[in-house]
Amino acid sequence: MDSATSDESIIAFDKWLETPPGAYVRAWEQACLDKMVADIFGFNAVQIGMPQIDALAANRMPHQWLADIRLHPRHSGAGRAVAVTLDSVELPFATNSMDLVVLPHVLEFSAEPHQVLREVERVLIPEGQVIVCGFNPASLWGLRQLSGRLTGSHYLPKAGEFISMPRIKDWLKLLNMGVSHTHLGCYAPACRTDRWLARYNFMDRAGPNYWPYFGAVYMVQAIKRVKGMRLIGPAWKQKTAKAGVPVPATNKHKERLDG
C-alpha cells in the first residue's frame, strides 16, 4: 500500500465511521479507552489519527495532543482541535519524550506499519505506554471482509489490511515492548443498520464469556522496557537505619573504687 492509497483508504474509513456499524465501533472503543487510560500517568500524551473519538478524554496528563495523519486535517468529532498533521512513519517528537501514544486504526491503513511502531518506541520514555486499536481478522467481520475481497462487496474500506492481534504482539515484543493488557469487543455480525445491530446485543453480553477471542475490534496495551534499567524511588523514600536500643553506660572507674 503506497501513501496515496493509504490516504484514500483513510478517507473511506472516515465515511464508514459515520455509518451505523461505524458508530457501534466508536462507542465501544471510546468506552474501552476511557477505562484503559484513566490510570496511566505522566506528562505528555498523544493520540495519532481517528479524531472521531477522544482517546485521552479520561486521562489526566497535563499535556495532550491530537495528531492527524492526513494532509488536510479532519474535523474532530470529539470537539478537540488537531494540534499537528504528521506522517506516522516519521513522528515529529523528540526521542524519549512521550508517556503515552494511542494508535486507533493507524497501522491498518499505513504503508509501513512496522516503521510506525518503531517510531512510537523511539518517542516513548522508558516505561512509557502505547495502545493499539485494530480490526480482528479472526471474527465475523474478518470473514465478511475476506468474502468481500472475492465478491467485490467490501464491508470495510478495501485497502485496509486486518492485522491479527498475535502479530501485533509479536511486533511489539521485537521492540522490547511488553504487552500488559488486551481487550476485544463488538461481537455482533457485520450488519449495516442500527436495527440489525440492536438485534444482536446479546452477543456483546455473551461474547466475553463464550467466544472472547472473536470480537471484531481489539486493543493491545504495551509498555516500553529498557534492558538493564531498574526504576528506583526518590532519595527521601530510602529507609532510615533503625536506631539501636539505648544501653545505659556504666562508670567503670566508680565501680573499681566501690570494689
Foldseek 3Di string as FASTA:
>chain_A
DDPVQLQVQLVQQVVLLPFVVNVVVQVVQQVVLLVVQLPQDDAEEEEEDDLQHDSCPNHDHPHYAYEYADPDDDDRNHPDDHPYHDHLLADPAAFQAHQEYEYELPLQSHPCSLSSVVNVLRNHHAQRKYKYKFFALQALLVVQQVVCVVVVNHLGRNSGDGDHPVVVCVSCVVQQWAWDDKAAFARQHSDRHPVRSVVCPVCRVCCCPPPRRHHGMMMIMITHHDPPDDDDDDPVPDDDDDDDDDDDDDDVVVVVVVD
